[in-house]
PDB file of all heavy atoms in Angstrom:
ATOM      1  N   LEU A   1    -163.282  73.015 238.448  1.00  0.00           N
ATOM      2  CA  LEU A   1    -161.918  72.593 238.250  1.00  0.00           C
ATOM      3  C   LEU A   1    -161.397  73.044 236.927  1.00  0.00           C
ATOM      4  O   LEU A   1    -160.208  73.418 236.789  1.00  0.00           O
ATOM      5  CB  LEU A   1    -161.828  71.054 238.419  1.00  0.00           C
ATOM      6  CG  LEU A   1    -161.849  70.569 239.835  1.00  0.00           C
ATOM      7  CD1 LEU A   1    -162.106  69.088 239.895  1.00  0.00           C
ATOM      8  CD2 LEU A   1    -160.499  70.861 240.556  1.00  0.00           C
ATOM      9  N   ASP A   2    -162.232  72.981 235.903  1.00  0.00           N
ATOM     10  CA  ASP A   2    -161.771  73.473 234.575  1.00  0.00           C
ATOM     11  C   ASP A   2    -161.412  74.954 234.613  1.00  0.00           C
ATOM     12  O   ASP A   2    -160.460  75.348 233.933  1.00  0.00           O
ATOM     13  CB  ASP A   2    -162.918  73.238 233.543  1.00  0.00           C
ATOM     14  CG  ASP A   2    -163.142  71.758 233.216  1.00  0.00           C
ATOM     15  OD1 ASP A   2    -162.273  70.940 233.530  1.00  0.00           O
ATOM     16  OD2 ASP A   2    -164.244  71.489 232.643  1.00  0.00           O
ATOM     17  N   LEU A   3    -162.108  75.671 235.413  1.00  0.00           N
ATOM     18  CA  LEU A   3    -161.813  77.130 235.539  1.00  0.00           C
ATOM     19  C   LEU A   3    -160.546  77.324 236.348  1.00  0.00           C
ATOM     20  O   LEU A   3    -159.767  78.292 236.081  1.00  0.00           O
ATOM     21  CB  LEU A   3    -163.018  77.819 236.270  1.00  0.00           C
ATOM     22  CG  LEU A   3    -162.959  79.333 236.372  1.00  0.00           C
ATOM     23  CD1 LEU A   3    -163.083  79.955 234.980  1.00  0.00           C
ATOM     24  CD2 LEU A   3    -164.126  79.796 237.246  1.00  0.00           C
ATOM     25  N   LEU A   4    -160.288  76.472 237.308  1.00  0.00           N
ATOM     26  CA  LEU A   4    -159.190  76.676 238.238  1.00  0.00           C
ATOM     27  C   LEU A   4    -157.868  76.034 237.799  1.00  0.00           C
ATOM     28  O   LEU A   4    -156.787  76.572 238.094  1.00  0.00           O
ATOM     29  CB  LEU A   4    -159.629  76.111 239.607  1.00  0.00           C
ATOM     30  CG  LEU A   4    -158.703  76.424 240.759  1.00  0.00           C
ATOM     31  CD1 LEU A   4    -158.634  77.913 241.003  1.00  0.00           C
ATOM     32  CD2 LEU A   4    -159.165  75.686 242.042  1.00  0.00           C
ATOM     33  N   VAL A   5    -157.922  74.886 237.121  1.00  0.00           N
ATOM     34  CA  VAL A   5    -156.730  74.082 236.832  1.00  0.00           C
ATOM     35  C   VAL A   5    -156.355  74.229 235.359  1.00  0.00           C
ATOM     36  O   VAL A   5    -157.097  73.802 234.459  1.00  0.00           O
ATOM     37  CB  VAL A   5    -156.944  72.611 237.211  1.00  0.00           C
ATOM     38  CG1 VAL A   5    -155.693  71.803 236.931  1.00  0.00           C
ATOM     39  CG2 VAL A   5    -157.345  72.470 238.694  1.00  0.00           C
ATOM     40  N   ASP A   6    -155.221  74.789 235.134  1.00  0.00           N
ATOM     41  CA  ASP A   6    -154.723  75.015 233.744  1.00  0.00           C
ATOM     42  C   ASP A   6    -153.791  73.887 233.296  1.00  0.00           C
ATOM     43  O   ASP A   6    -153.726  73.553 232.108  1.00  0.00           O
ATOM     44  CB  ASP A   6    -154.018  76.326 233.589  1.00  0.00           C
ATOM     45  CG  ASP A   6    -154.961  77.563 233.806  1.00  0.00           C
ATOM     46  OD1 ASP A   6    -156.118  77.419 233.407  1.00  0.00           O
ATOM     47  OD2 ASP A   6    -154.479  78.556 234.404  1.00  0.00           O
ATOM     48  N   ASP A   7    -153.012  73.337 234.260  1.00  0.00           N
ATOM     49  CA  ASP A   7    -151.979  72.339 233.933  1.00  0.00           C
ATOM     50  C   ASP A   7    -152.630  70.968 233.520  1.00  0.00           C
ATOM     51  O   ASP A   7    -153.415  70.430 234.294  1.00  0.00           O
ATOM     52  CB  ASP A   7    -151.120  72.175 235.170  1.00  0.00           C
ATOM     53  CG  ASP A   7    -149.873  71.359 234.870  1.00  0.00           C
ATOM     54  OD1 ASP A   7    -150.000  70.237 234.335  1.00  0.00           O
ATOM     55  OD2 ASP A   7    -148.757  71.814 235.196  1.00  0.00           O
ATOM     56  N   LEU A   8    -152.357  70.560 232.333  1.00  0.00           N
ATOM     57  CA  LEU A   8    -152.991  69.315 231.839  1.00  0.00           C
ATOM     58  C   LEU A   8    -152.581  68.108 232.689  1.00  0.00           C
ATOM     59  O   LEU A   8    -153.374  67.161 232.899  1.00  0.00           O
ATOM     60  CB  LEU A   8    -152.646  69.096 230.324  1.00  0.00           C
ATOM     61  CG  LEU A   8    -153.258  70.067 229.395  1.00  0.00           C
ATOM     62  CD1 LEU A   8    -152.795  69.800 227.989  1.00  0.00           C
ATOM     63  CD2 LEU A   8    -154.742  70.076 229.445  1.00  0.00           C
ATOM     64  N   GLU A   9    -151.364  68.052 233.114  1.00  0.00           N
ATOM     65  CA  GLU A   9    -150.869  66.939 233.953  1.00  0.00           C
ATOM     66  C   GLU A   9    -151.646  66.863 235.257  1.00  0.00           C
ATOM     67  O   GLU A   9    -152.043  65.795 235.751  1.00  0.00           O
ATOM     68  CB  GLU A   9    -149.407  67.057 234.193  1.00  0.00           C
ATOM     69  CG  GLU A   9    -148.539  66.724 233.079  1.00  0.00           C
ATOM     70  CD  GLU A   9    -148.703  65.282 232.613  1.00  0.00           C
ATOM     71  OE1 GLU A   9    -148.813  64.402 233.488  1.00  0.00           O
ATOM     72  OE2 GLU A   9    -148.777  65.011 231.385  1.00  0.00           O
ATOM     73  N   VAL A  10    -151.914  68.040 235.862  1.00  0.00           N
ATOM     74  CA  VAL A  10    -152.694  68.062 237.090  1.00  0.00           C
ATOM     75  C   VAL A  10    -154.087  67.622 236.814  1.00  0.00           C
ATOM     76  O   VAL A  10    -154.709  66.864 237.560  1.00  0.00           O
ATOM     77  CB  VAL A  10    -152.671  69.492 237.712  1.00  0.00           C
ATOM     78  CG1 VAL A  10    -153.593  69.543 238.941  1.00  0.00           C
ATOM     79  CG2 VAL A  10    -151.274  69.874 238.106  1.00  0.00           C
ATOM     80  N   ARG A  11    -154.690  68.048 235.711  1.00  0.00           N
ATOM     81  CA  ARG A  11    -156.048  67.660 235.386  1.00  0.00           C
ATOM     82  C   ARG A  11    -156.154  66.148 235.180  1.00  0.00           C
ATOM     83  O   ARG A  11    -157.196  65.548 235.581  1.00  0.00           O
ATOM     84  CB  ARG A  11    -156.480  68.309 234.025  1.00  0.00           C
ATOM     85  CG  ARG A  11    -156.836  69.796 234.200  1.00  0.00           C
ATOM     86  CD  ARG A  11    -157.581  70.271 232.969  1.00  0.00           C
ATOM     87  NE  ARG A  11    -157.937  71.725 233.034  1.00  0.00           N
ATOM     88  CZ  ARG A  11    -158.677  72.330 232.185  1.00  0.00           C
ATOM     89  NH1 ARG A  11    -159.168  71.652 231.178  1.00  0.00           N
ATOM     90  NH2 ARG A  11    -158.954  73.598 232.308  1.00  0.00           N
ATOM     91  N   ARG A  12    -155.154  65.538 234.631  1.00  0.00           N
ATOM     92  CA  ARG A  12    -155.214  64.089 234.423  1.00  0.00           C
ATOM     93  C   ARG A  12    -155.171  63.299 235.735  1.00  0.00           C
ATOM     94  O   ARG A  12    -155.581  62.137 235.767  1.00  0.00           O
ATOM     95  CB  ARG A  12    -154.078  63.643 233.466  1.00  0.00           C
ATOM     96  CG  ARG A  12    -154.387  63.851 231.992  1.00  0.00           C
ATOM     97  CD  ARG A  12    -153.384  63.158 231.135  1.00  0.00           C
ATOM     98  NE  ARG A  12    -152.156  63.912 231.022  1.00  0.00           N
ATOM     99  CZ  ARG A  12    -151.865  64.779 230.031  1.00  0.00           C
ATOM    100  NH1 ARG A  12    -152.809  64.983 229.073  1.00  0.00           N
ATOM    101  NH2 ARG A  12    -150.725  65.405 229.964  1.00  0.00           N
ATOM    102  N   ARG A  13    -154.602  63.920 236.761  1.00  0.00           N
ATOM    103  CA  ARG A  13    -154.561  63.238 238.073  1.00  0.00           C
ATOM    104  C   ARG A  13    -155.908  63.304 238.840  1.00  0.00           C
ATOM    105  O   ARG A  13    -156.032  62.668 239.860  1.00  0.00           O
ATOM    106  CB  ARG A  13    -153.426  63.863 238.913  1.00  0.00           C
ATOM    107  CG  ARG A  13    -152.067  63.689 238.324  1.00  0.00           C
ATOM    108  CD  ARG A  13    -150.958  64.134 239.304  1.00  0.00           C
ATOM    109  NE  ARG A  13    -149.737  64.334 238.568  1.00  0.00           N
ATOM    110  CZ  ARG A  13    -149.117  65.497 238.394  1.00  0.00           C
ATOM    111  NH1 ARG A  13    -149.695  66.581 238.868  1.00  0.00           N
ATOM    112  NH2 ARG A  13    -147.994  65.597 237.731  1.00  0.00           N
ATOM    113  N   ILE A  14    -156.798  64.174 238.384  1.00  0.00           N
ATOM    114  CA  ILE A  14    -158.047  64.390 239.157  1.00  0.00           C
ATOM    115  C   ILE A  14    -159.236  63.855 238.353  1.00  0.00           C
ATOM    116  O   ILE A  14    -159.473  64.231 237.201  1.00  0.00           O
ATOM    117  CB  ILE A  14    -158.271  65.901 239.361  1.00  0.00           C
ATOM    118  CG1 ILE A  14    -157.044  66.507 240.140  1.00  0.00           C
ATOM    119  CG2 ILE A  14    -159.545  66.147 240.147  1.00  0.00           C
ATOM    120  CD1 ILE A  14    -157.090  68.032 240.278  1.00  0.00           C
ATOM    121  N   ALA A  15    -159.942  62.935 238.980  1.00  0.00           N
ATOM    122  CA  ALA A  15    -161.201  62.360 238.328  1.00  0.00           C
ATOM    123  C   ALA A  15    -162.424  62.891 239.084  1.00  0.00           C
ATOM    124  O   ALA A  15    -162.410  62.958 240.327  1.00  0.00           O
ATOM    125  CB  ALA A  15    -161.136  60.858 238.431  1.00  0.00           C
ATOM    126  N   VAL A  16    -163.405  63.325 238.299  1.00  0.00           N
ATOM    127  CA  VAL A  16    -164.650  63.805 238.899  1.00  0.00           C
ATOM    128  C   VAL A  16    -165.747  62.841 238.544  1.00  0.00           C
ATOM    129  O   VAL A  16    -166.060  62.674 237.362  1.00  0.00           O
ATOM    130  CB  VAL A  16    -164.972  65.188 238.401  1.00  0.00           C
ATOM    131  CG1 VAL A  16    -166.244  65.708 239.096  1.00  0.00           C
ATOM    132  CG2 VAL A  16    -163.844  66.186 238.722  1.00  0.00           C
ATOM    133  N   GLN A  17    -166.368  62.192 239.542  1.00  0.00           N
ATOM    134  CA  GLN A  17    -167.453  61.287 239.307  1.00  0.00           C
ATOM    135  C   GLN A  17    -168.446  61.356 240.446  1.00  0.00           C
ATOM    136  O   GLN A  17    -168.053  61.509 241.600  1.00  0.00           O
ATOM    137  CB  GLN A  17    -166.953  59.832 239.244  1.00  0.00           C
ATOM    138  CG  GLN A  17    -166.123  59.510 238.067  1.00  0.00           C
ATOM    139  CD  GLN A  17    -165.667  58.042 238.111  1.00  0.00           C
ATOM    140  OE1 GLN A  17    -164.984  57.636 239.059  1.00  0.00           O
ATOM    141  NE2 GLN A  17    -166.028  57.250 237.104  1.00  0.00           N
ATOM    142  N   HIS A  18    -169.769  61.319 240.145  1.00  0.00           N
ATOM    143  CA  HIS A  18    -170.675  61.190 241.254  1.00  0.00           C
ATOM    144  C   HIS A  18    -170.646  59.761 241.832  1.00  0.00           C
ATOM    145  O   HIS A  18    -170.184  58.826 241.155  1.00  0.00           O
ATOM    146  CB  HIS A  18    -172.109  61.609 240.891  1.00  0.00           C
ATOM    147  CG  HIS A  18    -172.817  60.707 239.940  1.00  0.00           C
ATOM    148  ND1 HIS A  18    -173.457  59.580 240.332  1.00  0.00           N
ATOM    149  CD2 HIS A  18    -172.983  60.831 238.631  1.00  0.00           C
ATOM    150  CE1 HIS A  18    -174.027  59.018 239.346  1.00  0.00           C
ATOM    151  NE2 HIS A  18    -173.775  59.735 238.214  1.00  0.00           N
ATOM    152  N   ILE A  19    -171.029  59.612 243.094  1.00  0.00           N
ATOM    153  CA  ILE A  19    -170.755  58.415 243.822  1.00  0.00           C
ATOM    154  C   ILE A  19    -171.306  57.090 243.198  1.00  0.00           C
ATOM    155  O   ILE A  19    -170.611  56.098 243.157  1.00  0.00           O
ATOM    156  CB  ILE A  19    -171.269  58.514 245.288  1.00  0.00           C
ATOM    157  CG1 ILE A  19    -170.777  57.410 246.145  1.00  0.00           C
ATOM    158  CG2 ILE A  19    -172.787  58.694 245.310  1.00  0.00           C
ATOM    159  CD1 ILE A  19    -169.323  57.515 246.519  1.00  0.00           C
ATOM    160  N   ASP A  20    -172.508  57.151 242.639  1.00  0.00           N
ATOM    161  CA  ASP A  20    -173.064  55.923 241.991  1.00  0.00           C
ATOM    162  C   ASP A  20    -172.391  55.659 240.697  1.00  0.00           C
ATOM    163  O   ASP A  20    -172.276  54.440 240.305  1.00  0.00           O
ATOM    164  CB  ASP A  20    -174.577  56.143 241.779  1.00  0.00           C
ATOM    165  CG  ASP A  20    -175.324  55.813 243.063  1.00  0.00           C
ATOM    166  OD1 ASP A  20    -174.849  55.028 243.883  1.00  0.00           O
ATOM    167  OD2 ASP A  20    -176.459  56.364 243.216  1.00  0.00           O
ATOM    168  N   GLN A  21    -171.949  56.697 239.953  1.00  0.00           N
ATOM    169  CA  GLN A  21    -171.166  56.437 238.750  1.00  0.00           C
ATOM    170  C   GLN A  21    -169.902  55.666 239.093  1.00  0.00           C
ATOM    171  O   GLN A  21    -169.500  54.699 238.381  1.00  0.00           O
ATOM    172  CB  GLN A  21    -170.839  57.800 238.141  1.00  0.00           C
ATOM    173  CG  GLN A  21    -170.045  57.683 236.778  1.00  0.00           C
ATOM    174  CD  GLN A  21    -169.701  59.027 236.311  1.00  0.00           C
ATOM    175  OE1 GLN A  21    -169.739  60.076 236.963  1.00  0.00           O
ATOM    176  NE2 GLN A  21    -169.208  59.079 235.047  1.00  0.00           N
ATOM    177  N   PHE A  22    -169.234  56.057 240.126  1.00  0.00           N
ATOM    178  CA  PHE A  22    -168.028  55.360 240.577  1.00  0.00           C
ATOM    179  C   PHE A  22    -168.306  53.922 240.970  1.00  0.00           C
ATOM    180  O   PHE A  22    -167.626  52.966 240.634  1.00  0.00           O
ATOM    181  CB  PHE A  22    -167.339  56.120 241.711  1.00  0.00           C
ATOM    182  CG  PHE A  22    -166.151  55.410 242.334  1.00  0.00           C
ATOM    183  CD1 PHE A  22    -165.081  55.075 241.619  1.00  0.00           C
ATOM    184  CD2 PHE A  22    -166.189  55.119 243.688  1.00  0.00           C
ATOM    185  CE1 PHE A  22    -163.987  54.387 242.169  1.00  0.00           C
ATOM    186  CE2 PHE A  22    -165.098  54.493 244.288  1.00  0.00           C
ATOM    187  CZ  PHE A  22    -164.026  54.091 243.509  1.00  0.00           C
ATOM    188  N   ALA A  23    -169.389  53.743 241.784  1.00  0.00           N
ATOM    189  CA  ALA A  23    -169.765  52.376 242.250  1.00  0.00           C
ATOM    190  C   ALA A  23    -170.008  51.477 241.076  1.00  0.00           C
ATOM    191  O   ALA A  23    -169.564  50.324 241.030  1.00  0.00           O
ATOM    192  CB  ALA A  23    -170.961  52.461 243.153  1.00  0.00           C
ATOM    193  N   HIS A  24    -170.785  51.954 240.111  1.00  0.00           N
ATOM    194  CA  HIS A  24    -171.137  51.121 238.923  1.00  0.00           C
ATOM    195  C   HIS A  24    -169.862  50.827 238.083  1.00  0.00           C
ATOM    196  O   HIS A  24    -169.748  49.739 237.512  1.00  0.00           O
ATOM    197  CB  HIS A  24    -172.204  51.828 238.017  1.00  0.00           C
ATOM    198  CG  HIS A  24    -173.587  51.627 238.597  1.00  0.00           C
ATOM    199  ND1 HIS A  24    -174.466  50.762 238.013  1.00  0.00           N
ATOM    200  CD2 HIS A  24    -174.211  52.143 239.649  1.00  0.00           C
ATOM    201  CE1 HIS A  24    -175.643  50.758 238.678  1.00  0.00           C
ATOM    202  NE2 HIS A  24    -175.482  51.599 239.642  1.00  0.00           N
ATOM    203  N   GLN A  25    -168.949  51.740 238.037  1.00  0.00           N
ATOM    204  CA  GLN A  25    -167.696  51.542 237.287  1.00  0.00           C
ATOM    205  C   GLN A  25    -166.896  50.388 237.937  1.00  0.00           C
ATOM    206  O   GLN A  25    -166.444  49.490 237.223  1.00  0.00           O
ATOM    207  CB  GLN A  25    -166.854  52.823 237.272  1.00  0.00           C
ATOM    208  CG  GLN A  25    -165.491  52.610 236.656  1.00  0.00           C
ATOM    209  CD  GLN A  25    -164.658  53.926 236.716  1.00  0.00           C
ATOM    210  OE1 GLN A  25    -165.095  54.977 236.298  1.00  0.00           O
ATOM    211  NE2 GLN A  25    -163.507  53.818 237.278  1.00  0.00           N
ATOM    212  N   VAL A  26    -166.818  50.394 239.275  1.00  0.00           N
ATOM    213  CA  VAL A  26    -166.098  49.339 239.956  1.00  0.00           C
ATOM    214  C   VAL A  26    -166.828  47.995 239.738  1.00  0.00           C
ATOM    215  O   VAL A  26    -166.210  46.933 239.484  1.00  0.00           O
ATOM    216  CB  VAL A  26    -165.961  49.619 241.454  1.00  0.00           C
ATOM    217  CG1 VAL A  26    -165.389  48.457 242.230  1.00  0.00           C
ATOM    218  CG2 VAL A  26    -165.155  50.905 241.693  1.00  0.00           C
ATOM    219  N   PHE A  27    -168.100  48.035 239.847  1.00  0.00           N
ATOM    220  CA  PHE A  27    -168.948  46.816 239.660  1.00  0.00           C
ATOM    221  C   PHE A  27    -168.723  46.235 238.259  1.00  0.00           C
ATOM    222  O   PHE A  27    -168.492  45.021 238.099  1.00  0.00           O
ATOM    223  CB  PHE A  27    -170.376  47.097 239.898  1.00  0.00           C
ATOM    224  CG  PHE A  27    -171.296  45.970 239.818  1.00  0.00           C
ATOM    225  CD1 PHE A  27    -171.713  45.293 240.940  1.00  0.00           C
ATOM    226  CD2 PHE A  27    -171.807  45.503 238.612  1.00  0.00           C
ATOM    227  CE1 PHE A  27    -172.543  44.173 240.897  1.00  0.00           C
ATOM    228  CE2 PHE A  27    -172.630  44.421 238.507  1.00  0.00           C
ATOM    229  CZ  PHE A  27    -173.037  43.763 239.658  1.00  0.00           C
ATOM    230  N   ARG A  28    -168.836  47.063 237.231  1.00  0.00           N
ATOM    231  CA  ARG A  28    -168.778  46.603 235.840  1.00  0.00           C
ATOM    232  C   ARG A  28    -167.381  45.955 235.528  1.00  0.00           C
ATOM    233  O   ARG A  28    -167.307  45.013 234.735  1.00  0.00           O
ATOM    234  CB  ARG A  28    -169.014  47.724 234.848  1.00  0.00           C
ATOM    235  CG  ARG A  28    -170.469  48.088 234.797  1.00  0.00           C
ATOM    236  CD  ARG A  28    -170.789  49.002 233.560  1.00  0.00           C
ATOM    237  NE  ARG A  28    -169.940  50.173 233.523  1.00  0.00           N
ATOM    238  CZ  ARG A  28    -170.261  51.324 234.073  1.00  0.00           C
ATOM    239  NH1 ARG A  28    -171.451  51.428 234.745  1.00  0.00           N
ATOM    240  NH2 ARG A  28    -169.470  52.343 234.017  1.00  0.00           N
ATOM    241  N   GLN A  29    -166.334  46.518 236.108  1.00  0.00           N
ATOM    242  CA  GLN A  29    -164.997  45.956 235.868  1.00  0.00           C
ATOM    243  C   GLN A  29    -164.866  44.542 236.325  1.00  0.00           C
ATOM    244  O   GLN A  29    -164.131  43.748 235.778  1.00  0.00           O
ATOM    245  CB  GLN A  29    -163.943  46.834 236.577  1.00  0.00           C
ATOM    246  CG  GLN A  29    -163.774  48.203 235.969  1.00  0.00           C
ATOM    247  CD  GLN A  29    -162.864  49.103 236.773  1.00  0.00           C
ATOM    248  OE1 GLN A  29    -162.522  48.814 237.926  1.00  0.00           O
ATOM    249  NE2 GLN A  29    -162.464  50.255 236.243  1.00  0.00           N
TER     250      GLN A  29
END
């Protein structure tokens, strides 16, 4: 994505996380 996406606004709309990282983030909140 870093190679493909130049627009900073577009980059801010896209989050990259592996599945357990996302699960733990939701849990911790």
